[in-house]
Every structure is written in C-alpha cells, then in structure tokens.
Amino acid sequence: MIRGLYTSAAGMVTQQVRLDVAANNLANAATAGYRADVPSVAALPSLFLYRFNDAVDHIPPFPKAAPVGYLGTGAAVAQVTTLARGGLYRETGRELDFALQGEGFFVVATPAGERYTRNGAFQVNNIGELTTSEGFPVLSRTGDVARADDPNLPDNLAVVAVPAGQPLTKAGNNLFMAPGELTPIDTPVLKGVLEEANVSPVEAMVDLIAAMRTYEASQKAIQTQDQTLDKLINEVGRM
C-alpha cells in the first residue's frame, strides 16, 4: 500500500512538470522566435515480487518463494528538450524586424556573455544601436554593436550556427546560451519579417488538459489508498 502512495506521488510530480512546460509553451505562442519545450517521460525501475506466505514446499527457515511478477514504481521526467523545428514566417513591414531564412541564431551581448536568439523583433536605443526588446545590444559580423542606420544591416548582422549534437540551454528572455563559441554562418536575413513561435496553441492546450487529468487521477489514487490505510489501521486493527 505504501508503495502505491510513492508511485502515485511520482506520477503527480511528473504531471506537474508537464503542466509547467505546456503552460509556458502556451504563454509564449505569440512570442517571435520562441522554441517550444518537450518533456520526455521515462519509467522508474520496476520491482520483481515474490509471494512467501503461501509458498509451496515450505521448509523453514528458507521457504520457497512463489514469483508474482514485476511491479512498476511510476514514472519521472527524464529531460526537457527544446523543439528544433522552425516557426512560420509573418511579414510585418517593420524596418527593424528580421528573420533568419534557415539555420542559425542572432548574437546578443548581455552582462553574462553572448547569448543567441531567433527573435528578430529588434529596437533602437537613444544612440542608434540595435537592441532586443530587453535592451541587450545586437552584434554585427565584426563583433561590434549593430547600428540601426546601417544601409546593409540585414547582411551585416552576426549569425551563428549550432554544431550537430551541441545542445543550447534556455537563458530566459527568449535567449539561449552555449557551452562554447559558435561558428558564423551565412544564413539569409529577411527584413520586415518575423519568425513566429513553433508552438501550436491547440497542441499545447491538449497537452495541458491531458497532464491536468492525469495529475487528478494520481491525486485520487492517493486519496483512495489513504482511505484504505485509515480503515486498515482504525477498523481492522481493532478486530
């Protein structure tokens, strides 16, 4: 019975992570360049059970245990990965909107170091420098801060590629960080265009509801086992 409580609790923790991921994806469905997260769920190690009390050929003190079979111990989130597929392109006509037509990321300078983004909805500060909506400078191919008055701005923006097998880590504000330096790449930059999030609001809502229903099922399983234990201790124990 206690085993069942732990198994149900593991299910609740797993579904809570799924809920958080789905809610975050849904909240960023309108964020340009956002990449959705996908949780991977794996089963916890199983236990092999034996039955001792009614074992055949009982010879004390070593009874011959009868095998019962495997018992699952629940599931857990093994990892949360970022969906690599790109989003759809939307023409805005705005001079400071850019989108990458292919692989790569724009390079942004932050107090914590270089960060990378697919969100090309840039701004201009009071000294003419190109920045993100959070105020972080956007870098050019020369390593300097890109300027909004550059006539060849789309061609001069720094774009880097992520090597195969090297994962990026989300750093907040729709930015990514890499464990090492990334290689420059000549990906065409579209002006007056934004890449939308690669999130399907319908899929995100379905994931959210499914995780919520599974969470509630695990919760009810714990309540049922708790009531059974209560009767076992307070009623059967008196007999």
Protein backbone atom coordinates (compact mmCIF):
# COMPACT_ATOMS: atom_id res chain seq x y z
CA MET A 1 0.00 0.00 0.00
CA ILE A 2 2.80 2.40 0.92
CA ARG A 3 4.44 1.51 -2.37
CA GLY A 4 1.31 2.67 -4.16
CA LEU A 5 1.47 6.05 -2.42
CA TYR A 6 5.02 6.61 -3.67
CA THR A 7 4.08 5.51 -7.19
CA SER A 8 1.10 7.87 -7.30
CA ALA A 9 3.18 10.72 -5.87
CA ALA A 10 5.81 10.15 -8.59
CA GLY A 11 3.03 10.43 -11.15
CA MET A 12 1.87 13.74 -9.69
CA VAL A 13 5.39 15.18 -9.79
CA THR A 14 5.76 14.08 -13.42
CA GLN A 15 2.47 15.63 -14.46
CA GLN A 16 3.32 18.86 -12.62
CA VAL A 17 6.41 19.22 -14.82
CA ARG A 18 4.31 18.50 -17.92
CA LEU A 19 1.81 21.14 -16.79
CA ASP A 20 4.53 23.74 -16.29
CA VAL A 21 6.09 23.05 -19.71
CA ALA A 22 2.75 23.10 -21.55
CA ALA A 23 1.66 26.31 -19.78
CA ASN A 24 4.96 28.01 -20.66
CA ASN A 25 4.65 26.95 -24.31
CA LEU A 26 1.09 28.25 -24.45
CA ALA A 27 2.07 31.55 -22.82
CA ASN A 28 4.78 32.09 -25.48
CA ALA A 29 2.71 31.04 -28.50
CA ALA A 30 2.73 34.67 -29.72
CA THR A 31 6.43 35.32 -28.95
CA ALA A 32 8.52 35.70 -32.12
CA GLY A 33 11.23 33.08 -32.50
CA TYR A 34 10.20 31.10 -29.43
CA ARG A 35 11.14 27.41 -29.42
CA ALA A 36 8.80 25.05 -27.58
CA ASP A 37 9.95 22.62 -24.89
CA VAL A 38 9.05 18.93 -24.88
CA PRO A 39 9.30 16.79 -21.70
CA SER A 40 10.46 13.17 -22.05
CA VAL A 41 8.95 10.78 -19.51
CA ALA A 42 10.65 7.52 -18.54
CA ALA A 43 9.54 4.66 -16.30
CA LEU A 44 11.23 4.26 -12.93
CA PRO A 45 12.91 0.89 -12.19
CA SER A 46 10.48 -1.99 -11.67
CA LEU A 47 10.43 -4.39 -8.72
CA PHE A 48 10.08 -8.17 -9.02
CA LEU A 49 7.74 -9.51 -6.34
CA TYR A 50 7.67 -12.92 -4.65
CA ARG A 51 4.91 -14.47 -2.52
CA PHE A 52 6.19 -16.06 0.69
CA ASN A 53 3.20 -16.76 2.95
CA ASP A 54 1.64 -19.48 0.82
CA ALA A 55 4.83 -20.75 -0.75
CA VAL A 56 4.90 -24.37 -1.82
CA ASP A 57 7.37 -26.85 -0.35
CA HIS A 58 7.77 -24.72 2.75
CA ILE A 59 10.98 -25.71 4.55
CA PRO A 60 11.88 -23.39 7.46
CA PRO A 61 13.73 -21.16 7.65
CA PHE A 62 14.10 -20.88 3.87
CA PRO A 63 10.67 -21.01 2.23
CA LYS A 64 10.45 -21.48 -1.48
CA ALA A 65 9.00 -18.17 -2.64
CA ALA A 66 6.45 -18.14 -5.43
CA PRO A 67 7.16 -15.49 -8.07
CA VAL A 68 4.38 -12.95 -8.63
CA GLY A 69 5.78 -10.70 -11.35
CA TYR A 70 7.02 -7.20 -11.94
CA LEU A 71 5.58 -4.14 -10.22
CA GLY A 72 6.01 -0.71 -11.77
CA THR A 73 7.12 2.08 -9.46
CA GLY A 74 5.86 5.01 -11.51
CA ALA A 75 7.43 7.45 -13.93
CA ALA A 76 9.59 10.56 -13.92
CA VAL A 77 10.60 13.28 -16.37
CA ALA A 78 13.96 12.21 -17.79
CA GLN A 79 14.68 15.51 -19.55
CA VAL A 80 13.10 18.56 -21.13
CA THR A 81 14.34 19.23 -24.66
CA THR A 82 13.77 22.17 -26.99
CA LEU A 83 11.91 21.53 -30.23
CA ALA A 84 14.28 22.41 -33.06
CA ARG A 85 11.76 22.90 -35.86
CA GLY A 86 11.28 26.47 -37.08
CA GLY A 87 8.11 28.52 -36.97
CA LEU A 88 6.11 30.11 -39.76
CA TYR A 89 7.17 33.46 -41.24
CA ARG A 90 4.98 36.54 -40.91
CA GLU A 91 5.53 39.71 -42.94
CA THR A 92 5.30 42.83 -40.77
CA GLY A 93 6.83 45.54 -42.98
CA ARG A 94 8.59 46.99 -39.94
CA GLU A 95 12.14 48.20 -40.64
CA LEU A 96 13.66 46.63 -37.53
CA ASP A 97 12.02 43.21 -37.82
CA PHE A 98 14.31 40.43 -39.09
CA ALA A 99 14.03 36.68 -39.58
CA LEU A 100 16.57 34.01 -40.43
CA GLN A 101 15.73 32.05 -43.57
CA GLY A 102 17.31 28.81 -42.41
CA GLU A 103 19.59 27.64 -39.63
CA GLY A 104 21.30 29.87 -37.12
CA PHE A 105 20.78 32.42 -34.36
CA PHE A 106 21.26 36.16 -33.94
CA VAL A 107 24.02 37.09 -31.46
CA VAL A 108 23.19 39.27 -28.46
CA ALA A 109 25.57 40.78 -25.90
CA THR A 110 24.42 40.50 -22.28
CA PRO A 111 26.16 41.19 -18.93
CA ALA A 112 26.54 37.41 -18.58
CA GLY A 113 28.17 37.00 -22.01
CA GLU A 114 26.99 36.29 -25.54
CA ARG A 115 23.53 34.85 -25.94
CA TYR A 116 21.61 33.69 -29.00
CA THR A 117 18.06 34.20 -30.23
CA ARG A 118 15.71 33.62 -33.15
CA ASN A 119 13.59 36.62 -32.15
CA GLY A 120 14.35 39.35 -34.66
CA ALA A 121 11.91 41.94 -33.29
CA PHE A 122 14.65 44.48 -32.54
CA GLN A 123 14.55 48.03 -31.20
CA VAL A 124 16.86 51.04 -31.44
CA ASN A 125 18.24 52.85 -28.39
CA ASN A 126 18.88 56.60 -27.96
CA ILE A 127 22.33 56.37 -29.56
CA GLY A 128 21.21 54.48 -32.67
CA GLU A 129 22.27 50.98 -31.60
CA LEU A 130 20.20 47.90 -32.39
CA THR A 131 18.93 46.13 -29.27
CA THR A 132 16.49 43.45 -28.21
CA SER A 133 13.24 44.43 -26.52
CA GLU A 134 15.04 43.92 -23.18
CA GLY A 135 17.76 46.41 -24.18
CA PHE A 136 20.57 43.92 -24.91
CA PRO A 137 22.81 45.04 -27.84
CA VAL A 138 22.62 43.03 -31.06
CA LEU A 139 26.04 42.26 -32.56
CA SER A 140 27.25 42.64 -36.14
CA ARG A 141 29.57 40.34 -38.06
CA THR A 142 32.57 42.43 -36.94
CA GLY A 143 31.75 41.87 -33.27
CA ASP A 144 30.62 45.46 -32.74
CA VAL A 145 27.11 46.53 -31.81
CA ALA A 146 24.94 46.73 -34.93
CA ARG A 147 23.57 50.17 -35.79
CA ALA A 148 20.03 50.83 -36.99
CA ASP A 149 21.26 53.33 -39.64
CA ASP A 150 23.49 50.74 -41.36
CA PRO A 151 22.27 50.60 -45.00
CA ASN A 152 23.39 46.94 -45.23
CA LEU A 153 22.08 45.98 -41.80
CA PRO A 154 20.47 42.62 -42.78
CA ASP A 155 23.73 41.41 -44.36
CA ASN A 156 25.90 42.70 -41.51
CA LEU A 157 24.05 41.09 -38.60
CA ALA A 158 26.02 38.37 -36.85
CA VAL A 159 24.51 34.91 -37.35
CA VAL A 160 25.98 31.74 -35.85
CA ALA A 161 25.29 28.05 -36.31
CA VAL A 162 24.91 25.39 -33.63
CA PRO A 163 27.07 22.29 -34.32
CA ALA A 164 25.21 18.99 -34.55
CA GLY A 165 24.92 17.34 -31.18
CA GLN A 166 25.67 20.51 -29.20
CA PRO A 167 22.55 21.47 -27.26
CA LEU A 168 21.65 25.03 -26.34
CA THR A 169 20.32 25.96 -22.92
CA LYS A 170 17.50 28.44 -22.44
CA ALA A 171 18.70 31.52 -20.54
CA GLY A 172 15.41 33.46 -20.22
CA ASN A 173 14.06 36.37 -22.29
CA ASN A 174 13.88 34.09 -25.34
CA LEU A 175 17.67 33.76 -25.31
CA PHE A 176 19.89 30.69 -25.48
CA MET A 177 23.39 30.03 -24.16
CA ALA A 178 26.00 27.62 -25.49
CA PRO A 179 28.84 25.82 -23.69
CA GLY A 180 31.37 27.18 -26.20
CA GLU A 181 31.78 29.55 -29.12
CA LEU A 182 29.56 29.04 -32.15
CA THR A 183 30.64 29.24 -35.78
CA PRO A 184 29.48 32.15 -38.01
CA ILE A 185 27.16 31.14 -40.83
CA ASP A 186 25.89 32.90 -43.96
CA THR A 187 22.16 32.44 -43.45
CA PRO A 188 19.99 34.89 -45.42
CA VAL A 189 18.33 37.52 -43.21
CA LEU A 190 14.86 38.66 -44.19
CA LYS A 191 13.88 42.28 -43.44
CA GLY A 192 10.37 43.24 -42.39
CA VAL A 193 9.63 39.62 -41.49
CA LEU A 194 9.35 37.76 -38.17
CA GLU A 195 9.56 34.05 -37.43
CA GLU A 196 6.62 33.03 -35.28
CA ALA A 197 6.86 30.61 -32.36
CA ASN A 198 6.96 26.94 -33.30
CA VAL A 199 4.12 26.32 -30.84
CA SER A 200 0.73 25.03 -31.89
CA PRO A 201 -1.76 26.54 -29.40
CA VAL A 202 -4.14 23.62 -30.00
CA GLU A 203 -1.45 21.02 -29.25
CA ALA A 204 -0.28 22.96 -26.19
CA MET A 205 -3.85 23.16 -24.86
CA VAL A 206 -4.38 19.42 -25.42
CA ASP A 207 -1.12 18.65 -23.59
CA LEU A 208 -2.18 20.95 -20.75
CA ILE A 209 -5.57 19.26 -20.34
CA ALA A 210 -4.10 15.74 -20.61
CA ALA A 211 -1.48 16.48 -17.96
CA MET A 212 -4.12 18.00 -15.68
CA ARG A 213 -6.41 14.97 -15.99
CA THR A 214 -3.55 12.56 -15.30
CA TYR A 215 -2.49 14.64 -12.31
CA GLU A 216 -6.03 14.46 -10.92
CA ALA A 217 -6.11 10.66 -11.45
CA SER A 218 -2.88 10.23 -9.45
CA GLN A 219 -4.29 12.51 -6.77
CA LYS A 220 -7.45 10.40 -6.48
CA ALA A 221 -5.32 7.25 -6.29
CA ILE A 222 -3.51 8.68 -3.28
CA GLN A 223 -6.82 9.63 -1.63
CA THR A 224 -8.20 6.11 -2.18
CA GLN A 225 -5.09 4.46 -0.74
CA ASP A 226 -5.12 6.84 2.21
CA GLN A 227 -8.74 5.90 3.00
CA THR A 228 -7.88 2.21 2.73
CA LEU A 229 -4.96 2.60 5.11
CA ASP A 230 -7.20 4.51 7.51
CA LYS A 231 -9.68 1.63 7.61
CA LEU A 232 -6.90 -0.93 7.93
CA ILE A 233 -5.41 0.81 10.96
CA ASN A 234 -8.55 2.07 12.73
CA GLU A 235 -11.06 -0.68 11.94
CA VAL A 236 -9.32 -3.93 11.03
CA GLY A 237 -6.68 -3.29 13.69
CA ARG A 238 -9.36 -3.38 16.43
CA MET A 239 -10.62 -6.83 15.48
